[in-house]
Amino acid sequence: MSSPNCKRCLLNELDGEYFKSIYQYIENIPLEQKAPPREYGRRLALCKNCGDLQNGMCAQCGCFAEVRAAKLRQACPWGKW
């Protein structure tokens, strides 16, 4: 019997299909709703330097940082972007 995935595991420790689905979701965001690549990169750089980023998730709002950063009309809960 395998143990269930824990909520504190790293993304690469989760089921591979689940991890892929995050990037497929980002890929399928309509262009008019997606942050431009340069802005996406800027946002992720700020997230990577934030103490609230834990295993790919924002400890403030619980989102996957990469998904939130990819959406044009989203904002950082701390107001950093």
PDB file of N, CA and C in Angstrom:
ATOM      1  N   MET A   1       0.845  -1.170   0.000  1.00  0.00           N
ATOM      2  CA  MET A   1       0.000   0.000   0.000  1.00  0.00           C
ATOM      3  C   MET A   1       0.895   1.240   0.000  1.00  0.00           C
ATOM      4  N   SER A   2       0.667   2.128  -0.938  1.00  0.00           N
ATOM      5  CA  SER A   2       1.473   3.340  -0.997  1.00  0.00           C
ATOM      6  C   SER A   2       0.875   4.411  -0.095  1.00  0.00           C
ATOM      7  N   SER A   3       1.741   5.259   0.424  1.00  0.00           N
ATOM      8  CA  SER A   3       1.260   6.322   1.303  1.00  0.00           C
ATOM      9  C   SER A   3       0.718   7.476   0.469  1.00  0.00           C
ATOM     10  N   PRO A   4      -0.256   8.193   0.984  1.00  0.00           N
ATOM     11  CA  PRO A   4      -0.820   9.319   0.225  1.00  0.00           C
ATOM     12  C   PRO A   4       0.188  10.460   0.120  1.00  0.00           C
ATOM     13  N   ASN A   5       0.041  11.265  -0.913  1.00  0.00           N
ATOM     14  CA  ASN A   5       0.907  12.434  -1.060  1.00  0.00           C
ATOM     15  C   ASN A   5       0.659  13.397   0.084  1.00  0.00           C
ATOM     16  N   CYS A   6       1.718  13.898   0.651  1.00  0.00           N
ATOM     17  CA  CYS A   6       1.548  14.872   1.727  1.00  0.00           C
ATOM     18  C   CYS A   6       1.475  16.276   1.143  1.00  0.00           C
ATOM     19  N   LYS A   7       0.896  17.199   1.870  1.00  0.00           N
ATOM     20  CA  LYS A   7       0.745  18.559   1.387  1.00  0.00           C
ATOM     21  C   LYS A   7       2.037  19.358   1.512  1.00  0.00           C
ATOM     22  N   ARG A   8       3.027  18.811   2.204  1.00  0.00           N
ATOM     23  CA  ARG A   8       4.291  19.514   2.375  1.00  0.00           C
ATOM     24  C   ARG A   8       5.399  18.960   1.487  1.00  0.00           C
ATOM     25  N   CYS A   9       5.079  18.062   0.588  1.00  0.00           N
ATOM     26  CA  CYS A   9       6.080  17.484  -0.300  1.00  0.00           C
ATOM     27  C   CYS A   9       6.468  18.482  -1.384  1.00  0.00           C
ATOM     28  N   LEU A  10       7.636  18.282  -1.942  1.00  0.00           N
ATOM     29  CA  LEU A  10       8.056  19.072  -3.095  1.00  0.00           C
ATOM     30  C   LEU A  10       7.225  18.672  -4.307  1.00  0.00           C
ATOM     31  N   LEU A  11       7.084  19.582  -5.241  1.00  0.00           N
ATOM     32  CA  LEU A  11       6.282  19.283  -6.429  1.00  0.00           C
ATOM     33  C   LEU A  11       6.796  18.064  -7.170  1.00  0.00           C
ATOM     34  N   ASN A  12       8.132  17.899  -7.232  1.00  0.00           N
ATOM     35  CA  ASN A  12       8.658  16.755  -7.965  1.00  0.00           C
ATOM     36  C   ASN A  12       8.452  15.438  -7.227  1.00  0.00           C
ATOM     37  N   GLU A  13       7.967  15.495  -5.984  1.00  0.00           N
ATOM     38  CA  GLU A  13       7.639  14.286  -5.238  1.00  0.00           C
ATOM     39  C   GLU A  13       6.169  13.898  -5.415  1.00  0.00           C
ATOM     40  N   LEU A  14       5.410  14.782  -5.993  1.00  0.00           N
ATOM     41  CA  LEU A  14       4.005  14.492  -6.264  1.00  0.00           C
ATOM     42  C   LEU A  14       3.895  13.682  -7.546  1.00  0.00           C
ATOM     43  N   ASP A  15       2.720  13.180  -7.810  1.00  0.00           N
ATOM     44  CA  ASP A  15       2.452  12.427  -9.025  1.00  0.00           C
ATOM     45  C   ASP A  15       2.867  13.241 -10.241  1.00  0.00           C
ATOM     46  N   GLY A  16       3.620  12.642 -11.128  1.00  0.00           N
ATOM     47  CA  GLY A  16       4.141  13.332 -12.306  1.00  0.00           C
ATOM     48  C   GLY A  16       3.065  13.956 -13.174  1.00  0.00           C
ATOM     49  N   GLU A  17       1.930  13.302 -13.308  1.00  0.00           N
ATOM     50  CA  GLU A  17       0.847  13.842 -14.123  1.00  0.00           C
ATOM     51  C   GLU A  17       0.289  15.116 -13.510  1.00  0.00           C
ATOM     52  N   TYR A  18       0.222  15.169 -12.201  1.00  0.00           N
ATOM     53  CA  TYR A  18      -0.259  16.375 -11.515  1.00  0.00           C
ATOM     54  C   TYR A  18       0.673  17.544 -11.784  1.00  0.00           C
ATOM     55  N   PHE A  19       1.951  17.314 -11.675  1.00  0.00           N
ATOM     56  CA  PHE A  19       2.943  18.359 -11.911  1.00  0.00           C
ATOM     57  C   PHE A  19       2.848  18.872 -13.343  1.00  0.00           C
ATOM     58  N   LYS A  20       2.726  17.963 -14.302  1.00  0.00           N
ATOM     59  CA  LYS A  20       2.596  18.352 -15.711  1.00  0.00           C
ATOM     60  C   LYS A  20       1.336  19.166 -15.938  1.00  0.00           C
ATOM     61  N   SER A  21       0.279  18.838 -15.231  1.00  0.00           N
ATOM     62  CA  SER A  21      -0.987  19.534 -15.450  1.00  0.00           C
ATOM     63  C   SER A  21      -0.894  21.013 -15.085  1.00  0.00           C
ATOM     64  N   ILE A  22      -0.041  21.377 -14.154  1.00  0.00           N
ATOM     65  CA  ILE A  22       0.142  22.786 -13.794  1.00  0.00           C
ATOM     66  C   ILE A  22       0.675  23.555 -14.992  1.00  0.00           C
ATOM     67  N   TYR A  23       1.686  23.000 -15.645  1.00  0.00           N
ATOM     68  CA  TYR A  23       2.273  23.676 -16.805  1.00  0.00           C
ATOM     69  C   TYR A  23       1.345  23.634 -18.016  1.00  0.00           C
ATOM     70  N   GLN A  24       0.557  22.588 -18.147  1.00  0.00           N
ATOM     71  CA  GLN A  24      -0.439  22.542 -19.223  1.00  0.00           C
ATOM     72  C   GLN A  24      -1.496  23.618 -18.992  1.00  0.00           C
ATOM     73  N   TYR A  25      -1.891  23.800 -17.745  1.00  0.00           N
ATOM     74  CA  TYR A  25      -2.857  24.841 -17.415  1.00  0.00           C
ATOM     75  C   TYR A  25      -2.305  26.216 -17.797  1.00  0.00           C
ATOM     76  N   ILE A  26      -1.066  26.489 -17.429  1.00  0.00           N
ATOM     77  CA  ILE A  26      -0.436  27.776 -17.757  1.00  0.00           C
ATOM     78  C   ILE A  26      -0.384  27.952 -19.273  1.00  0.00           C
ATOM     79  N   GLU A  27      -0.001  26.901 -19.978  1.00  0.00           N
ATOM     80  CA  GLU A  27       0.067  26.950 -21.437  1.00  0.00           C
ATOM     81  C   GLU A  27      -1.282  27.280 -22.067  1.00  0.00           C
ATOM     82  N   ASN A  28      -2.358  26.821 -21.463  1.00  0.00           N
ATOM     83  CA  ASN A  28      -3.697  26.989 -22.025  1.00  0.00           C
ATOM     84  C   ASN A  28      -4.423  28.253 -21.575  1.00  0.00           C
ATOM     85  N   ILE A  29      -3.781  29.088 -20.789  1.00  0.00           N
ATOM     86  CA  ILE A  29      -4.396  30.365 -20.431  1.00  0.00           C
ATOM     87  C   ILE A  29      -4.512  31.189 -21.712  1.00  0.00           C
ATOM     88  N   PRO A  30      -5.684  31.710 -22.029  1.00  0.00           N
ATOM     89  CA  PRO A  30      -5.828  32.516 -23.242  1.00  0.00           C
ATOM     90  C   PRO A  30      -4.845  33.691 -23.251  1.00  0.00           C
ATOM     91  N   LEU A  31      -4.307  33.994 -24.406  1.00  0.00           N
ATOM     92  CA  LEU A  31      -3.286  35.041 -24.521  1.00  0.00           C
ATOM     93  C   LEU A  31      -3.722  36.377 -23.928  1.00  0.00           C
ATOM     94  N   GLU A  32      -4.989  36.731 -24.092  1.00  0.00           N
ATOM     95  CA  GLU A  32      -5.461  38.011 -23.570  1.00  0.00           C
ATOM     96  C   GLU A  32      -5.531  38.023 -22.042  1.00  0.00           C
ATOM     97  N   GLN A  33      -5.417  36.850 -21.416  1.00  0.00           N
ATOM     98  CA  GLN A  33      -5.450  36.745 -19.955  1.00  0.00           C
ATOM     99  C   GLN A  33      -4.076  36.420 -19.367  1.00  0.00           C
ATOM    100  N   LYS A  34      -3.089  36.254 -20.231  1.00  0.00           N
ATOM    101  CA  LYS A  34      -1.765  35.808 -19.805  1.00  0.00           C
ATOM    102  C   LYS A  34      -0.803  36.994 -19.714  1.00  0.00           C
ATOM    103  N   ALA A  35       0.004  36.997 -18.663  1.00  0.00           N
ATOM    104  CA  ALA A  35       1.039  38.016 -18.518  1.00  0.00           C
ATOM    105  C   ALA A  35       2.074  37.824 -19.632  1.00  0.00           C
ATOM    106  N   PRO A  36       2.595  38.923 -20.188  1.00  0.00           N
ATOM    107  CA  PRO A  36       3.646  38.785 -21.199  1.00  0.00           C
ATOM    108  C   PRO A  36       4.854  38.044 -20.605  1.00  0.00           C
ATOM    109  N   PRO A  37       5.613  37.340 -21.431  1.00  0.00           N
ATOM    110  CA  PRO A  37       6.741  36.548 -20.926  1.00  0.00           C
ATOM    111  C   PRO A  37       7.716  37.333 -20.039  1.00  0.00           C
ATOM    112  N   ARG A  38       8.014  38.551 -20.415  1.00  0.00           N
ATOM    113  CA  ARG A  38       8.951  39.359 -19.622  1.00  0.00           C
ATOM    114  C   ARG A  38       8.374  39.659 -18.228  1.00  0.00           C
ATOM    115  N   GLU A  39       7.093  39.994 -18.183  1.00  0.00           N
ATOM    116  CA  GLU A  39       6.427  40.276 -16.910  1.00  0.00           C
ATOM    117  C   GLU A  39       6.331  39.004 -16.068  1.00  0.00           C
ATOM    118  N   TYR A  40       6.042  37.900 -16.702  1.00  0.00           N
ATOM    119  CA  TYR A  40       5.981  36.612 -16.003  1.00  0.00           C
ATOM    120  C   TYR A  40       7.325  36.315 -15.343  1.00  0.00           C
ATOM    121  N   GLY A  41       8.399  36.500 -16.089  1.00  0.00           N
ATOM    122  CA  GLY A  41       9.740  36.273 -15.547  1.00  0.00           C
ATOM    123  C   GLY A  41      10.061  37.208 -14.393  1.00  0.00           C
ATOM    124  N   ARG A  42       9.655  38.455 -14.514  1.00  0.00           N
ATOM    125  CA  ARG A  42       9.891  39.436 -13.448  1.00  0.00           C
ATOM    126  C   ARG A  42       9.146  39.026 -12.178  1.00  0.00           C
ATOM    127  N   ARG A  43       7.918  38.636 -12.350  1.00  0.00           N
ATOM    128  CA  ARG A  43       7.106  38.201 -11.206  1.00  0.00           C
ATOM    129  C   ARG A  43       7.719  36.988 -10.520  1.00  0.00           C
ATOM    130  N   LEU A  44       8.122  36.007 -11.317  1.00  0.00           N
ATOM    131  CA  LEU A  44       8.706  34.801 -10.730  1.00  0.00           C
ATOM    132  C   LEU A  44      10.016  35.105 -10.011  1.00  0.00           C
ATOM    133  N   ALA A  45      10.794  36.032 -10.541  1.00  0.00           N
ATOM    134  CA  ALA A  45      12.047  36.415  -9.870  1.00  0.00           C
ATOM    135  C   ALA A  45      11.750  37.000  -8.494  1.00  0.00           C
ATOM    136  N   LEU A  46      10.703  37.816  -8.406  1.00  0.00           N
ATOM    137  CA  LEU A  46      10.313  38.374  -7.109  1.00  0.00           C
ATOM    138  C   LEU A  46       9.818  37.277  -6.175  1.00  0.00           C
ATOM    139  N   CYS A  47       9.044  36.346  -6.705  1.00  0.00           N
ATOM    140  CA  CYS A  47       8.549  35.230  -5.889  1.00  0.00           C
ATOM    141  C   CYS A  47       9.715  34.390  -5.359  1.00  0.00           C
ATOM    142  N   LYS A  48      10.705  34.129  -6.219  1.00  0.00           N
ATOM    143  CA  LYS A  48      11.827  33.292  -5.809  1.00  0.00           C
ATOM    144  C   LYS A  48      12.619  33.914  -4.674  1.00  0.00           C
ATOM    145  N   ASN A  49      12.572  35.225  -4.548  1.00  0.00           N
ATOM    146  CA  ASN A  49      13.297  35.913  -3.478  1.00  0.00           C
ATOM    147  C   ASN A  49      12.428  36.174  -2.254  1.00  0.00           C
ATOM    148  N   CYS A  50      11.223  35.680  -2.254  1.00  0.00           N
ATOM    149  CA  CYS A  50      10.291  35.922  -1.159  1.00  0.00           C
ATOM    150  C   CYS A  50      10.345  34.764  -0.155  1.00  0.00           C
ATOM    151  N   GLY A  51      10.376  35.104   1.118  1.00  0.00           N
ATOM    152  CA  GLY A  51      10.399  34.094   2.164  1.00  0.00           C
ATOM    153  C   GLY A  51       9.119  33.287   2.273  1.00  0.00           C
ATOM    154  N   ASP A  52       8.050  33.747   1.643  1.00  0.00           N
ATOM    155  CA  ASP A  52       6.779  33.021   1.696  1.00  0.00           C
ATOM    156  C   ASP A  52       6.626  31.981   0.597  1.00  0.00           C
ATOM    157  N   LEU A  53       7.614  31.865  -0.289  1.00  0.00           N
ATOM    158  CA  LEU A  53       7.562  30.827  -1.314  1.00  0.00           C
ATOM    159  C   LEU A  53       8.043  29.527  -0.685  1.00  0.00           C
ATOM    160  N   GLN A  54       7.179  28.537  -0.673  1.00  0.00           N
ATOM    161  CA  GLN A  54       7.499  27.244  -0.066  1.00  0.00           C
ATOM    162  C   GLN A  54       7.107  26.132  -1.021  1.00  0.00           C
ATOM    163  N   ASN A  55       8.102  25.477  -1.563  1.00  0.00           N
ATOM    164  CA  ASN A  55       7.873  24.341  -2.473  1.00  0.00           C
ATOM    165  C   ASN A  55       6.957  24.701  -3.633  1.00  0.00           C
ATOM    166  N   GLY A  56       7.173  25.860  -4.207  1.00  0.00           N
ATOM    167  CA  GLY A  56       6.396  26.281  -5.364  1.00  0.00           C
ATOM    168  C   GLY A  56       5.077  26.937  -5.042  1.00  0.00           C
ATOM    169  N   MET A  57       4.730  27.011  -3.757  1.00  0.00           N
ATOM    170  CA  MET A  57       3.451  27.592  -3.350  1.00  0.00           C
ATOM    171  C   MET A  57       3.676  28.836  -2.496  1.00  0.00           C
ATOM    172  N   CYS A  58       2.759  29.765  -2.617  1.00  0.00           N
ATOM    173  CA  CYS A  58       2.779  30.980  -1.814  1.00  0.00           C
ATOM    174  C   CYS A  58       2.128  30.679  -0.464  1.00  0.00           C
ATOM    175  N   ALA A  59       2.867  30.891   0.603  1.00  0.00           N
ATOM    176  CA  ALA A  59       2.337  30.628   1.944  1.00  0.00           C
ATOM    177  C   ALA A  59       1.276  31.652   2.345  1.00  0.00           C
ATOM    178  N   GLN A  60       1.225  32.790   1.677  1.00  0.00           N
ATOM    179  CA  GLN A  60       0.228  33.807   1.997  1.00  0.00           C
ATOM    180  C   GLN A  60      -1.146  33.479   1.435  1.00  0.00           C
ATOM    181  N   CYS A  61      -1.201  33.017   0.190  1.00  0.00           N
ATOM    182  CA  CYS A  61      -2.505  32.774  -0.439  1.00  0.00           C
ATOM    183  C   CYS A  61      -2.758  31.312  -0.792  1.00  0.00           C
ATOM    184  N   GLY A  62      -1.711  30.479  -0.777  1.00  0.00           N
ATOM    185  CA  GLY A  62      -1.875  29.062  -1.061  1.00  0.00           C
ATOM    186  C   GLY A  62      -1.853  28.692  -2.533  1.00  0.00           C
ATOM    187  N   CYS A  63      -1.571  29.647  -3.394  1.00  0.00           N
ATOM    188  CA  CYS A  63      -1.563  29.350  -4.833  1.00  0.00           C
ATOM    189  C   CYS A  63      -0.219  28.773  -5.257  1.00  0.00           C
ATOM    190  N   PHE A  64      -0.199  28.185  -6.441  1.00  0.00           N
ATOM    191  CA  PHE A  64       1.066  27.861  -7.087  1.00  0.00           C
ATOM    192  C   PHE A  64       1.571  29.165  -7.668  1.00  0.00           C
ATOM    193  N   ALA A  65       2.733  29.593  -7.241  1.00  0.00           N
ATOM    194  CA  ALA A  65       3.257  30.900  -7.639  1.00  0.00           C
ATOM    195  C   ALA A  65       3.338  31.036  -9.160  1.00  0.00           C
ATOM    196  N   GLU A  66       3.721  29.982  -9.841  1.00  0.00           N
ATOM    197  CA  GLU A  66       3.858  30.059 -11.294  1.00  0.00           C
ATOM    198  C   GLU A  66       2.517  30.284 -11.984  1.00  0.00           C
ATOM    199  N   VAL A  67       1.463  29.731 -11.450  1.00  0.00           N
ATOM    200  CA  VAL A  67       0.135  29.931 -12.037  1.00  0.00           C
ATOM    201  C   VAL A  67      -0.327  31.363 -11.794  1.00  0.00           C
ATOM    202  N   ARG A  68      -0.205  31.834 -10.579  1.00  0.00           N
ATOM    203  CA  ARG A  68      -0.638  33.195 -10.251  1.00  0.00           C
ATOM    204  C   ARG A  68       0.145  34.215 -11.077  1.00  0.00           C
ATOM    205  N   ALA A  69       1.455  34.014 -11.196  1.00  0.00           N
ATOM    206  CA  ALA A  69       2.300  34.944 -11.955  1.00  0.00           C
ATOM    207  C   ALA A  69       1.962  34.940 -13.445  1.00  0.00           C
ATOM    208  N   ALA A  70       1.451  33.839 -13.939  1.00  0.00           N
ATOM    209  CA  ALA A  70       1.137  33.728 -15.367  1.00  0.00           C
ATOM    210  C   ALA A  70      -0.122  34.486 -15.764  1.00  0.00           C
ATOM    211  N   LYS A  71      -0.979  34.773 -14.803  1.00  0.00           N
ATOM    212  CA  LYS A  71      -2.248  35.434 -15.108  1.00  0.00           C
ATOM    213  C   LYS A  71      -2.098  36.957 -15.030  1.00  0.00           C
ATOM    214  N   LEU A  72      -2.462  37.608 -16.092  1.00  0.00           N
ATOM    215  CA  LEU A  72      -2.284  39.048 -16.230  1.00  0.00           C
ATOM    216  C   LEU A  72      -2.921  39.846 -15.099  1.00  0.00           C
ATOM    217  N   ARG A  73      -4.114  39.514 -14.709  1.00  0.00           N
ATOM    218  CA  ARG A  73      -4.853  40.313 -13.732  1.00  0.00           C
ATOM    219  C   ARG A  73      -4.716  39.817 -12.290  1.00  0.00           C
ATOM    220  N   GLN A  74      -3.703  39.023 -12.035  1.00  0.00           N
ATOM    221  CA  GLN A  74      -3.431  38.569 -10.677  1.00  0.00           C
ATOM    222  C   GLN A  74      -2.401  39.494 -10.023  1.00  0.00           C
ATOM    223  N   ALA A  75      -2.313  39.433  -8.719  1.00  0.00           N
ATOM    224  CA  ALA A  75      -1.357  40.257  -7.989  1.00  0.00           C
ATOM    225  C   ALA A  75      -0.768  39.461  -6.832  1.00  0.00           C
ATOM    226  N   CYS A  76       0.405  39.852  -6.416  1.00  0.00           N
ATOM    227  CA  CYS A  76       1.042  39.267  -5.242  1.00  0.00           C
ATOM    228  C   CYS A  76       0.269  39.681  -4.000  1.00  0.00           C
ATOM    229  N   PRO A  77       0.028  38.770  -3.063  1.00  0.00           N
ATOM    230  CA  PRO A  77      -0.693  39.154  -1.840  1.00  0.00           C
ATOM    231  C   PRO A  77       0.055  40.204  -1.018  1.00  0.00           C
ATOM    232  N   TRP A  78       1.367  40.310  -1.199  1.00  0.00           N
ATOM    233  CA  TRP A  78       2.154  41.333  -0.508  1.00  0.00           C
ATOM    234  C   TRP A  78       2.261  42.615  -1.310  1.00  0.00           C
ATOM    235  N   GLY A  79       1.760  42.630  -2.527  1.00  0.00           N
ATOM    236  CA  GLY A  79       1.831  43.814  -3.371  1.00  0.00           C
ATOM    237  C   GLY A  79       3.189  44.012  -4.038  1.00  0.00           C
ATOM    238  N   LYS A  80       3.993  42.961  -4.110  1.00  0.00           N
ATOM    239  CA  LYS A  80       5.321  43.081  -4.723  1.00  0.00           C
ATOM    240  C   LYS A  80       5.256  43.166  -6.239  1.00  0.00           C
ATOM    241  N   TRP A  81       4.161  42.663  -6.814  1.00  0.00           N
ATOM    242  CA  TRP A  81       3.927  42.804  -8.258  1.00  0.00           C
ATOM    243  C   TRP A  81       2.443  42.836  -8.528  1.00  0.00           C
TER     244      TRP A  81
END
